[in-house]
């Protein structure tokens, strides 16, 4: 098994989300390659009464963007609770676009110098998100089927980091990762 840099291992351990599994998966994908930048982003989401945890690991090598996403899957009648990991090793030459969304707090007159939230997006055209909804007409009495309307958008990777939820340092780390990625991608 390959090792990962100590700095990344420490960040994964600090996330507290199945660090042995996350470290092993990332080490396998890196396969000994030198890491030129990384982002470790733990996230907790709430779905009704259930709490779900996620961990996104991003690493930059000489030629690749490494993407690992770990989710916990709740137990059901047939399966115990599981951790699912989806990973991808993307050549920089495949990346078609990158995007950065920045949110700044304001009091109405002055804008804070530091972002309160950032979103880092990367598109290499592997996955598309499709949103579909029924079309309706203005007649509230109408019962006809008017078909559907929808949109398709690239959805390969979007990581949102919030100073409120993740801390100001996490926002700075996401901005640093984006700058590093931006230097390596020619799109």
N, C-alpha and C. Protein backbone atom coordinates (compact mmCIF):
# COMPACT_ATOMS: atom_id res chain seq x y z
N UNK A 1 0.84 -1.19 0.00
CA UNK A 1 0.00 0.00 0.00
C UNK A 1 0.88 1.25 0.00
N UNK A 2 0.43 2.26 -0.70
CA UNK A 2 1.15 3.52 -0.78
C UNK A 2 0.82 4.39 0.43
N UNK A 3 1.72 5.29 0.75
CA UNK A 3 1.50 6.23 1.84
C UNK A 3 1.04 7.57 1.25
N UNK A 4 0.40 8.37 2.08
CA UNK A 4 0.03 9.72 1.65
C UNK A 4 0.81 10.70 2.52
N UNK A 5 1.00 11.92 2.04
CA UNK A 5 1.74 12.91 2.83
C UNK A 5 1.11 13.10 4.21
N UNK A 6 1.96 13.29 5.20
CA UNK A 6 1.51 13.41 6.59
C UNK A 6 0.52 14.56 6.79
N UNK A 7 0.73 15.66 6.09
CA UNK A 7 -0.16 16.82 6.20
C UNK A 7 -1.59 16.47 5.79
N UNK A 8 -1.73 15.68 4.72
CA UNK A 8 -3.06 15.26 4.27
C UNK A 8 -3.66 14.26 5.26
N UNK A 9 -2.84 13.32 5.71
CA UNK A 9 -3.32 12.34 6.69
C UNK A 9 -3.83 13.04 7.95
N UNK A 10 -3.13 14.10 8.38
CA UNK A 10 -3.56 14.86 9.56
C UNK A 10 -4.91 15.53 9.30
N UNK A 11 -5.07 16.12 8.12
CA UNK A 11 -6.34 16.79 7.78
C UNK A 11 -7.48 15.77 7.73
N UNK A 12 -7.22 14.59 7.19
CA UNK A 12 -8.24 13.54 7.13
C UNK A 12 -8.60 13.08 8.54
N UNK A 13 -7.60 12.87 9.38
CA UNK A 13 -7.87 12.48 10.77
C UNK A 13 -8.68 13.54 11.51
N UNK A 14 -8.35 14.81 11.27
CA UNK A 14 -9.05 15.92 11.92
C UNK A 14 -10.53 15.95 11.50
N UNK A 15 -10.83 15.49 10.27
CA UNK A 15 -12.22 15.48 9.81
C UNK A 15 -13.06 14.51 10.65
N UNK A 16 -12.42 13.45 11.16
CA UNK A 16 -13.11 12.50 12.03
C UNK A 16 -14.04 11.55 11.31
N UNK A 17 -14.03 11.55 10.00
CA UNK A 17 -14.97 10.73 9.25
C UNK A 17 -14.24 9.52 8.64
N UNK A 18 -14.30 8.39 9.32
CA UNK A 18 -13.68 7.15 8.87
C UNK A 18 -12.29 7.40 8.27
N UNK A 19 -11.37 7.96 9.07
CA UNK A 19 -10.06 8.36 8.52
C UNK A 19 -9.25 7.21 7.94
N UNK A 20 -9.34 6.00 8.50
CA UNK A 20 -8.57 4.88 7.94
C UNK A 20 -9.04 4.55 6.53
N UNK A 21 -10.36 4.54 6.33
CA UNK A 21 -10.91 4.25 5.01
C UNK A 21 -10.56 5.35 4.03
N UNK A 22 -10.75 6.60 4.43
CA UNK A 22 -10.45 7.73 3.54
C UNK A 22 -8.97 7.74 3.15
N UNK A 23 -8.10 7.50 4.11
CA UNK A 23 -6.66 7.49 3.84
C UNK A 23 -6.30 6.36 2.88
N UNK A 24 -6.84 5.19 3.10
CA UNK A 24 -6.54 4.03 2.24
C UNK A 24 -7.01 4.26 0.81
N UNK A 25 -8.22 4.80 0.66
CA UNK A 25 -8.76 5.05 -0.68
C UNK A 25 -7.91 6.08 -1.41
N UNK A 26 -7.58 7.18 -0.74
CA UNK A 26 -6.77 8.22 -1.37
C UNK A 26 -5.38 7.69 -1.72
N UNK A 27 -4.78 6.93 -0.84
CA UNK A 27 -3.44 6.37 -1.11
C UNK A 27 -3.47 5.47 -2.34
N UNK A 28 -4.52 4.68 -2.48
CA UNK A 28 -4.64 3.81 -3.65
C UNK A 28 -4.72 4.62 -4.93
N UNK A 29 -5.51 5.67 -4.93
CA UNK A 29 -5.66 6.49 -6.13
C UNK A 29 -4.38 7.27 -6.44
N UNK A 30 -3.71 7.76 -5.42
CA UNK A 30 -2.47 8.50 -5.65
C UNK A 30 -1.38 7.58 -6.18
N UNK A 31 -1.35 6.35 -5.75
CA UNK A 31 -0.38 5.35 -6.21
C UNK A 31 1.06 5.89 -6.16
N UNK A 32 1.38 6.61 -5.11
CA UNK A 32 2.73 7.12 -4.92
C UNK A 32 3.02 8.44 -5.61
N UNK A 33 2.05 9.00 -6.34
CA UNK A 33 2.28 10.27 -7.04
C UNK A 33 2.46 11.40 -6.03
N UNK A 34 3.27 12.37 -6.39
CA UNK A 34 3.49 13.54 -5.54
C UNK A 34 2.24 14.42 -5.54
N UNK A 35 1.86 14.89 -4.38
CA UNK A 35 0.67 15.75 -4.24
C UNK A 35 1.12 17.21 -4.27
N UNK A 36 0.50 17.98 -5.17
CA UNK A 36 0.83 19.40 -5.33
C UNK A 36 -0.20 20.32 -4.69
N UNK A 37 -1.28 19.77 -4.22
CA UNK A 37 -2.32 20.54 -3.55
C UNK A 37 -3.44 19.60 -3.15
N UNK A 38 -4.20 19.99 -2.14
CA UNK A 38 -5.30 19.14 -1.69
C UNK A 38 -6.34 19.97 -0.96
N UNK A 39 -7.53 19.37 -0.83
CA UNK A 39 -8.61 19.95 -0.05
C UNK A 39 -9.34 18.79 0.61
N UNK A 40 -9.51 18.86 1.91
CA UNK A 40 -10.28 17.88 2.68
C UNK A 40 -11.49 18.62 3.21
N UNK A 41 -12.69 18.17 2.79
CA UNK A 41 -13.90 18.89 3.16
C UNK A 41 -14.96 17.96 3.76
N UNK A 42 -15.06 17.93 5.10
CA UNK A 42 -16.14 17.17 5.73
C UNK A 42 -17.43 17.99 5.70
N UNK A 43 -18.55 17.30 5.59
CA UNK A 43 -19.84 18.00 5.56
C UNK A 43 -20.89 17.13 6.23
N UNK A 44 -21.74 17.74 7.00
CA UNK A 44 -22.87 17.06 7.62
C UNK A 44 -24.14 17.65 7.03
N UNK A 45 -25.04 16.78 6.62
CA UNK A 45 -26.32 17.24 6.08
C UNK A 45 -27.45 16.62 6.88
N UNK A 46 -28.58 17.28 6.87
CA UNK A 46 -29.75 16.82 7.60
C UNK A 46 -30.85 16.55 6.59
N UNK A 47 -31.39 15.33 6.63
CA UNK A 47 -32.49 14.93 5.74
C UNK A 47 -33.63 14.46 6.63
N UNK A 48 -34.57 15.35 6.89
CA UNK A 48 -35.65 15.02 7.81
C UNK A 48 -35.08 14.81 9.19
N UNK A 49 -35.31 13.64 9.76
CA UNK A 49 -34.81 13.37 11.11
C UNK A 49 -33.44 12.67 11.09
N UNK A 50 -32.92 12.38 9.92
CA UNK A 50 -31.63 11.68 9.85
C UNK A 50 -30.48 12.64 9.58
N UNK A 51 -29.32 12.28 10.09
CA UNK A 51 -28.10 13.04 9.91
C UNK A 51 -27.18 12.21 9.02
N UNK A 52 -26.66 12.83 7.96
CA UNK A 52 -25.74 12.12 7.06
C UNK A 52 -24.43 12.87 7.02
N UNK A 53 -23.37 12.11 7.02
CA UNK A 53 -22.04 12.71 6.95
C UNK A 53 -21.41 12.40 5.60
N UNK A 54 -20.58 13.32 5.13
CA UNK A 54 -19.89 13.18 3.86
C UNK A 54 -18.45 13.65 4.05
N UNK A 55 -17.57 13.16 3.21
CA UNK A 55 -16.20 13.65 3.18
C UNK A 55 -15.76 13.69 1.74
N UNK A 56 -15.33 14.86 1.30
CA UNK A 56 -14.79 15.01 -0.05
C UNK A 56 -13.29 15.26 0.07
N UNK A 57 -12.52 14.46 -0.65
CA UNK A 57 -11.07 14.61 -0.70
C UNK A 57 -10.68 14.95 -2.13
N UNK A 58 -9.96 16.05 -2.29
CA UNK A 58 -9.47 16.45 -3.61
C UNK A 58 -7.96 16.56 -3.53
N UNK A 59 -7.27 16.03 -4.52
CA UNK A 59 -5.82 16.12 -4.55
C UNK A 59 -5.36 16.42 -5.97
N UNK A 60 -4.31 17.21 -6.07
CA UNK A 60 -3.72 17.56 -7.36
C UNK A 60 -2.36 16.89 -7.48
N UNK A 61 -2.17 16.13 -8.54
CA UNK A 61 -0.87 15.55 -8.84
C UNK A 61 -0.31 16.28 -10.06
N UNK A 62 0.74 15.76 -10.62
CA UNK A 62 1.33 16.40 -11.80
C UNK A 62 0.36 16.42 -12.98
N UNK A 63 -0.44 15.35 -13.13
CA UNK A 63 -1.30 15.22 -14.30
C UNK A 63 -2.78 15.08 -13.99
N UNK A 64 -3.14 14.87 -12.72
CA UNK A 64 -4.51 14.50 -12.39
C UNK A 64 -5.13 15.33 -11.26
N UNK A 65 -6.44 15.40 -11.33
CA UNK A 65 -7.28 15.80 -10.20
C UNK A 65 -7.84 14.50 -9.65
N UNK A 66 -7.56 14.23 -8.38
CA UNK A 66 -8.10 13.05 -7.71
C UNK A 66 -9.32 13.49 -6.92
N UNK A 67 -10.43 12.81 -7.11
CA UNK A 67 -11.68 13.13 -6.41
C UNK A 67 -12.14 11.88 -5.67
N UNK A 68 -12.31 11.98 -4.36
CA UNK A 68 -12.87 10.90 -3.55
C UNK A 68 -14.02 11.49 -2.74
N UNK A 69 -15.14 10.82 -2.76
CA UNK A 69 -16.28 11.27 -1.96
C UNK A 69 -16.80 10.09 -1.17
N UNK A 70 -16.82 10.24 0.15
CA UNK A 70 -17.30 9.19 1.04
C UNK A 70 -18.63 9.62 1.65
N UNK A 71 -19.59 8.69 1.67
CA UNK A 71 -20.92 8.90 2.26
C UNK A 71 -21.22 7.75 3.19
N UNK A 72 -21.97 8.03 4.25
CA UNK A 72 -22.48 6.91 5.04
C UNK A 72 -23.86 6.54 4.52
N UNK A 73 -24.08 5.26 4.38
CA UNK A 73 -25.36 4.73 3.93
C UNK A 73 -26.07 4.15 5.15
N UNK A 74 -27.30 4.57 5.41
CA UNK A 74 -27.99 4.05 6.59
C UNK A 74 -28.28 2.55 6.47
N UNK A 75 -28.39 1.91 7.61
CA UNK A 75 -28.71 0.48 7.64
C UNK A 75 -30.17 0.27 7.22
N UNK A 76 -30.42 -0.89 6.66
CA UNK A 76 -31.78 -1.27 6.34
C UNK A 76 -31.98 -2.73 6.78
N UNK A 77 -33.07 -3.34 6.38
CA UNK A 77 -33.37 -4.70 6.81
C UNK A 77 -32.32 -5.71 6.36
N UNK A 78 -31.68 -5.47 5.23
CA UNK A 78 -30.75 -6.43 4.67
C UNK A 78 -29.28 -6.07 4.88
N UNK A 79 -28.99 -4.79 5.08
CA UNK A 79 -27.60 -4.35 5.14
C UNK A 79 -27.30 -3.56 6.40
N UNK A 80 -26.09 -3.74 6.93
CA UNK A 80 -25.68 -2.89 8.04
C UNK A 80 -25.33 -1.50 7.51
N UNK A 81 -25.10 -0.56 8.40
CA UNK A 81 -24.65 0.76 7.97
C UNK A 81 -23.35 0.58 7.18
N UNK A 82 -23.21 1.31 6.09
CA UNK A 82 -22.04 1.18 5.22
C UNK A 82 -21.47 2.55 4.90
N UNK A 83 -20.20 2.55 4.53
CA UNK A 83 -19.55 3.75 4.01
C UNK A 83 -19.30 3.49 2.53
N UNK A 84 -19.82 4.37 1.70
CA UNK A 84 -19.66 4.23 0.25
C UNK A 84 -18.65 5.28 -0.22
N UNK A 85 -17.74 4.86 -1.06
CA UNK A 85 -16.74 5.78 -1.59
C UNK A 85 -16.78 5.74 -3.11
N UNK A 86 -16.96 6.90 -3.71
CA UNK A 86 -16.89 7.04 -5.16
C UNK A 86 -15.67 7.89 -5.48
N UNK A 87 -14.85 7.40 -6.37
CA UNK A 87 -13.59 8.08 -6.67
C UNK A 87 -13.39 8.20 -8.17
N UNK A 88 -12.61 9.19 -8.53
CA UNK A 88 -12.28 9.39 -9.93
C UNK A 88 -10.91 10.04 -10.02
N UNK A 89 -10.17 9.64 -11.03
CA UNK A 89 -8.85 10.19 -11.31
C UNK A 89 -8.97 10.85 -12.68
N UNK A 90 -8.99 12.19 -12.70
CA UNK A 90 -9.30 12.94 -13.91
C UNK A 90 -8.03 13.62 -14.45
N UNK A 91 -7.70 13.34 -15.69
CA UNK A 91 -6.58 14.03 -16.32
C UNK A 91 -6.91 15.52 -16.44
N UNK A 92 -5.94 16.37 -16.16
CA UNK A 92 -6.18 17.81 -16.29
C UNK A 92 -6.62 18.18 -17.70
N UNK A 93 -6.13 17.47 -18.71
CA UNK A 93 -6.51 17.77 -20.09
C UNK A 93 -7.98 17.49 -20.37
N UNK A 94 -8.66 16.70 -19.52
CA UNK A 94 -10.08 16.42 -19.69
C UNK A 94 -10.97 17.50 -19.08
N UNK A 95 -10.42 18.30 -18.19
CA UNK A 95 -11.22 19.31 -17.50
C UNK A 95 -11.58 20.42 -18.48
N UNK A 96 -12.86 20.68 -18.63
CA UNK A 96 -13.35 21.66 -19.59
C UNK A 96 -13.58 23.03 -18.99
N UNK A 97 -13.91 23.07 -17.72
CA UNK A 97 -14.11 24.37 -17.09
C UNK A 97 -14.01 24.23 -15.58
N UNK A 98 -13.64 25.33 -14.95
CA UNK A 98 -13.65 25.41 -13.49
C UNK A 98 -14.37 26.70 -13.12
N UNK A 99 -14.95 26.72 -11.96
CA UNK A 99 -15.70 27.90 -11.54
C UNK A 99 -15.52 28.15 -10.05
N UNK A 100 -15.64 29.40 -9.69
CA UNK A 100 -15.54 29.81 -8.30
C UNK A 100 -16.69 30.74 -7.98
N UNK A 101 -17.50 30.36 -7.01
CA UNK A 101 -18.55 31.24 -6.50
C UNK A 101 -18.10 31.81 -5.18
N UNK A 102 -18.23 33.11 -4.99
CA UNK A 102 -17.78 33.77 -3.77
C UNK A 102 -18.93 34.58 -3.18
N UNK A 103 -19.13 34.44 -1.88
CA UNK A 103 -20.15 35.20 -1.16
C UNK A 103 -19.46 36.03 -0.09
N UNK A 104 -19.80 37.30 -0.05
CA UNK A 104 -19.22 38.22 0.94
C UNK A 104 -20.35 38.78 1.79
N UNK A 105 -20.13 38.85 3.09
CA UNK A 105 -21.11 39.47 3.97
C UNK A 105 -21.00 40.99 3.84
N UNK A 106 -22.13 41.66 4.04
CA UNK A 106 -22.15 43.12 3.97
C UNK A 106 -23.15 43.68 4.98
N UNK A 107 -22.91 44.89 5.41
CA UNK A 107 -23.86 45.56 6.29
C UNK A 107 -24.74 46.52 5.49
N UNK A 108 -24.66 46.44 4.19
CA UNK A 108 -25.43 47.32 3.32
C UNK A 108 -24.58 48.42 2.71
N UNK A 109 -23.47 48.73 3.35
CA UNK A 109 -22.56 49.76 2.84
C UNK A 109 -21.16 49.21 2.58
N UNK A 110 -20.68 48.43 3.52
CA UNK A 110 -19.33 47.89 3.42
C UNK A 110 -19.38 46.38 3.22
N UNK A 111 -18.43 45.88 2.45
CA UNK A 111 -18.35 44.45 2.19
C UNK A 111 -17.12 43.91 2.90
N UNK A 112 -17.30 42.78 3.61
CA UNK A 112 -16.16 42.16 4.28
C UNK A 112 -15.09 41.79 3.26
N UNK A 113 -13.84 41.87 3.68
CA UNK A 113 -12.72 41.53 2.80
C UNK A 113 -12.63 40.03 2.56
N UNK A 114 -12.99 39.22 3.55
CA UNK A 114 -12.90 37.76 3.44
C UNK A 114 -14.25 37.18 3.05
N UNK A 115 -14.24 36.24 2.14
CA UNK A 115 -15.46 35.56 1.75
C UNK A 115 -16.08 34.84 2.94
N UNK A 116 -17.40 34.85 2.99
CA UNK A 116 -18.10 34.08 4.02
C UNK A 116 -18.42 32.67 3.50
N UNK A 117 -18.36 32.50 2.19
CA UNK A 117 -18.65 31.21 1.58
C UNK A 117 -18.03 31.16 0.19
N UNK A 118 -17.52 30.01 -0.19
CA UNK A 118 -17.04 29.81 -1.56
C UNK A 118 -17.55 28.47 -2.08
N UNK A 119 -17.75 28.41 -3.38
CA UNK A 119 -18.10 27.16 -4.06
C UNK A 119 -17.10 26.95 -5.18
N UNK A 120 -16.49 25.78 -5.19
CA UNK A 120 -15.52 25.42 -6.22
C UNK A 120 -16.19 24.39 -7.12
N UNK A 121 -16.23 24.68 -8.42
CA UNK A 121 -16.84 23.77 -9.38
C UNK A 121 -15.84 23.33 -10.43
N UNK A 122 -15.93 22.07 -10.82
CA UNK A 122 -15.06 21.52 -11.86
C UNK A 122 -15.93 20.67 -12.78
N UNK A 123 -15.75 20.86 -14.09
CA UNK A 123 -16.55 20.12 -15.07
C UNK A 123 -15.62 19.39 -16.04
N UNK A 124 -15.79 18.08 -16.13
CA UNK A 124 -15.07 17.31 -17.14
C UNK A 124 -16.05 16.45 -17.95
N UNK A 125 -17.32 16.83 -17.91
CA UNK A 125 -18.40 16.25 -18.73
C UNK A 125 -18.62 14.76 -18.55
N UNK A 126 -18.50 14.31 -17.33
CA UNK A 126 -18.82 12.91 -17.05
C UNK A 126 -20.25 12.79 -16.57
N UNK A 127 -20.69 13.73 -15.75
CA UNK A 127 -22.01 13.66 -15.12
C UNK A 127 -22.80 14.91 -15.45
N UNK A 128 -24.09 14.74 -15.65
CA UNK A 128 -24.99 15.88 -15.85
C UNK A 128 -26.15 15.73 -14.88
N UNK A 129 -26.57 16.84 -14.33
CA UNK A 129 -27.73 16.85 -13.45
C UNK A 129 -28.93 17.27 -14.30
N UNK A 130 -30.01 16.53 -14.20
CA UNK A 130 -31.22 16.86 -14.95
C UNK A 130 -32.33 17.19 -13.96
N UNK A 131 -32.88 18.36 -14.09
CA UNK A 131 -34.02 18.79 -13.27
C UNK A 131 -35.24 18.84 -14.17
N UNK A 132 -36.27 18.11 -13.81
CA UNK A 132 -37.50 18.04 -14.60
C UNK A 132 -38.68 18.39 -13.71
N UNK A 133 -39.62 19.15 -14.27
CA UNK A 133 -40.81 19.50 -13.52
C UNK A 133 -42.00 19.57 -14.47
N UNK A 134 -43.20 19.29 -13.97
CA UNK A 134 -44.38 19.37 -14.83
C UNK A 134 -44.65 20.81 -15.26
N UNK A 135 -45.04 20.97 -16.50
CA UNK A 135 -45.44 22.30 -16.98
C UNK A 135 -46.89 22.54 -16.58
N UNK A 136 -47.23 23.77 -16.26
CA UNK A 136 -48.59 24.12 -15.88
C UNK A 136 -49.03 25.33 -16.68
N UNK A 137 -50.32 25.51 -16.74
CA UNK A 137 -50.84 26.70 -17.41
C UNK A 137 -51.46 27.63 -16.37
N UNK A 138 -51.85 28.81 -16.81
CA UNK A 138 -52.39 29.81 -15.89
C UNK A 138 -53.82 29.52 -15.44
N UNK A 139 -54.48 28.58 -16.10
CA UNK A 139 -55.87 28.25 -15.77
C UNK A 139 -55.89 27.29 -14.58
N UNK A 140 -56.33 27.76 -13.42
CA UNK A 140 -56.33 26.92 -12.21
C UNK A 140 -57.31 25.75 -12.31
N UNK A 141 -58.26 25.80 -13.24
CA UNK A 141 -59.24 24.72 -13.42
C UNK A 141 -58.78 23.67 -14.43
N UNK A 142 -57.70 23.94 -15.11
CA UNK A 142 -57.22 23.06 -16.18
C UNK A 142 -56.71 21.73 -15.60
N UNK A 143 -57.10 20.63 -16.25
CA UNK A 143 -56.66 19.31 -15.82
C UNK A 143 -55.85 18.59 -16.90
N UNK A 144 -55.54 19.30 -17.97
CA UNK A 144 -54.78 18.70 -19.07
C UNK A 144 -53.33 18.48 -18.68
N UNK A 145 -52.74 17.50 -19.31
CA UNK A 145 -51.30 17.24 -19.15
C UNK A 145 -50.56 18.15 -20.12
N UNK A 146 -49.75 19.05 -19.62
CA UNK A 146 -49.01 19.99 -20.45
C UNK A 146 -47.56 19.55 -20.68
N UNK A 147 -47.23 18.36 -20.29
CA UNK A 147 -45.89 17.85 -20.51
C UNK A 147 -44.94 18.29 -19.40
N UNK A 148 -43.68 18.23 -19.71
CA UNK A 148 -42.65 18.54 -18.73
C UNK A 148 -41.66 19.54 -19.29
N UNK A 149 -41.03 20.24 -18.39
CA UNK A 149 -39.97 21.19 -18.73
C UNK A 149 -38.76 20.81 -17.88
N UNK A 150 -37.59 21.07 -18.40
CA UNK A 150 -36.43 20.71 -17.60
C UNK A 150 -35.16 21.36 -18.10
N UNK A 151 -34.12 21.08 -17.38
CA UNK A 151 -32.81 21.59 -17.77
C UNK A 151 -31.76 20.55 -17.40
N UNK A 152 -30.67 20.58 -18.14
CA UNK A 152 -29.54 19.70 -17.87
C UNK A 152 -28.31 20.58 -17.68
N UNK A 153 -27.55 20.28 -16.65
CA UNK A 153 -26.35 21.08 -16.36
C UNK A 153 -25.21 20.15 -15.95
N UNK A 154 -23.98 20.55 -16.26
CA UNK A 154 -22.85 19.74 -15.81
C UNK A 154 -22.85 19.64 -14.29
N UNK A 155 -22.52 18.46 -13.77
CA UNK A 155 -22.55 18.28 -12.32
C UNK A 155 -21.43 17.33 -11.87
N UNK A 156 -20.24 17.51 -12.42
CA UNK A 156 -19.16 16.61 -12.05
C UNK A 156 -18.70 16.84 -10.61
N UNK A 157 -18.45 18.09 -10.24
CA UNK A 157 -17.98 18.36 -8.89
C UNK A 157 -18.35 19.78 -8.47
N UNK A 158 -18.93 19.89 -7.29
CA UNK A 158 -19.19 21.18 -6.67
C UNK A 158 -18.96 21.01 -5.18
N UNK A 159 -18.04 21.80 -4.65
CA UNK A 159 -17.75 21.77 -3.22
C UNK A 159 -18.05 23.15 -2.65
N UNK A 160 -18.92 23.20 -1.65
CA UNK A 160 -19.29 24.46 -1.00
C UNK A 160 -18.69 24.48 0.39
N UNK A 161 -17.98 25.57 0.69
CA UNK A 161 -17.33 25.73 1.99
C UNK A 161 -17.82 27.03 2.60
N UNK A 162 -18.28 26.97 3.84
CA UNK A 162 -18.85 28.12 4.52
C UNK A 162 -18.04 28.46 5.77
N UNK A 163 -17.73 29.74 5.94
CA UNK A 163 -17.00 30.16 7.14
C UNK A 163 -17.83 29.89 8.39
N UNK A 164 -19.13 30.05 8.30
CA UNK A 164 -20.00 29.82 9.45
C UNK A 164 -20.00 28.34 9.87
N UNK A 165 -20.10 27.44 8.89
CA UNK A 165 -20.17 26.01 9.19
C UNK A 165 -18.80 25.36 9.34
N UNK A 166 -17.84 25.78 8.50
CA UNK A 166 -16.55 25.10 8.42
C UNK A 166 -15.38 25.90 9.01
N UNK A 167 -15.61 27.19 9.23
CA UNK A 167 -14.55 28.05 9.76
C UNK A 167 -13.87 28.85 8.66
N UNK A 168 -13.36 30.04 9.01
CA UNK A 168 -12.69 30.90 8.02
C UNK A 168 -11.47 30.24 7.39
N UNK A 169 -10.74 29.41 8.15
CA UNK A 169 -9.56 28.74 7.60
C UNK A 169 -9.95 27.79 6.47
N UNK A 170 -11.08 27.11 6.61
CA UNK A 170 -11.54 26.20 5.56
C UNK A 170 -11.85 26.97 4.27
N UNK A 171 -12.39 28.17 4.39
CA UNK A 171 -12.66 29.01 3.22
C UNK A 171 -11.34 29.39 2.55
N UNK A 172 -10.35 29.78 3.34
CA UNK A 172 -9.03 30.13 2.79
C UNK A 172 -8.39 28.92 2.10
N UNK A 173 -8.54 27.74 2.69
CA UNK A 173 -7.99 26.53 2.08
C UNK A 173 -8.67 26.22 0.75
N UNK A 174 -9.98 26.40 0.67
CA UNK A 174 -10.71 26.16 -0.59
C UNK A 174 -10.26 27.16 -1.65
N UNK A 175 -10.06 28.41 -1.27
CA UNK A 175 -9.58 29.41 -2.23
C UNK A 175 -8.17 29.07 -2.70
N UNK A 176 -7.32 28.60 -1.79
CA UNK A 176 -5.97 28.20 -2.16
C UNK A 176 -5.98 27.01 -3.11
N UNK A 177 -6.86 26.04 -2.84
CA UNK A 177 -6.98 24.88 -3.72
C UNK A 177 -7.42 25.33 -5.11
N UNK A 178 -8.41 26.23 -5.17
CA UNK A 178 -8.89 26.70 -6.47
C UNK A 178 -7.77 27.40 -7.24
N UNK A 179 -6.99 28.24 -6.57
CA UNK A 179 -5.88 28.94 -7.24
C UNK A 179 -4.87 27.93 -7.78
N UNK A 180 -4.57 26.90 -7.00
CA UNK A 180 -3.64 25.86 -7.42
C UNK A 180 -4.19 25.09 -8.62
N UNK A 181 -5.45 24.72 -8.57
CA UNK A 181 -6.10 24.03 -9.67
C UNK A 181 -6.10 24.90 -10.92
N UNK A 182 -6.41 26.17 -10.74
CA UNK A 182 -6.49 27.11 -11.86
C UNK A 182 -5.15 27.22 -12.59
N UNK A 183 -4.06 27.15 -11.88
CA UNK A 183 -2.72 27.19 -12.48
C UNK A 183 -2.45 25.94 -13.31
N UNK A 184 -3.05 24.82 -12.97
CA UNK A 184 -2.75 23.54 -13.60
C UNK A 184 -3.68 23.20 -14.77
N UNK A 185 -4.83 23.84 -14.82
CA UNK A 185 -5.82 23.51 -15.83
C UNK A 185 -5.79 24.57 -16.92
N UNK A 186 -5.78 24.10 -18.16
CA UNK A 186 -5.75 25.03 -19.30
C UNK A 186 -7.11 24.98 -20.00
N UNK A 187 -8.08 25.73 -19.43
CA UNK A 187 -9.41 25.74 -20.05
C UNK A 187 -9.91 27.16 -20.15
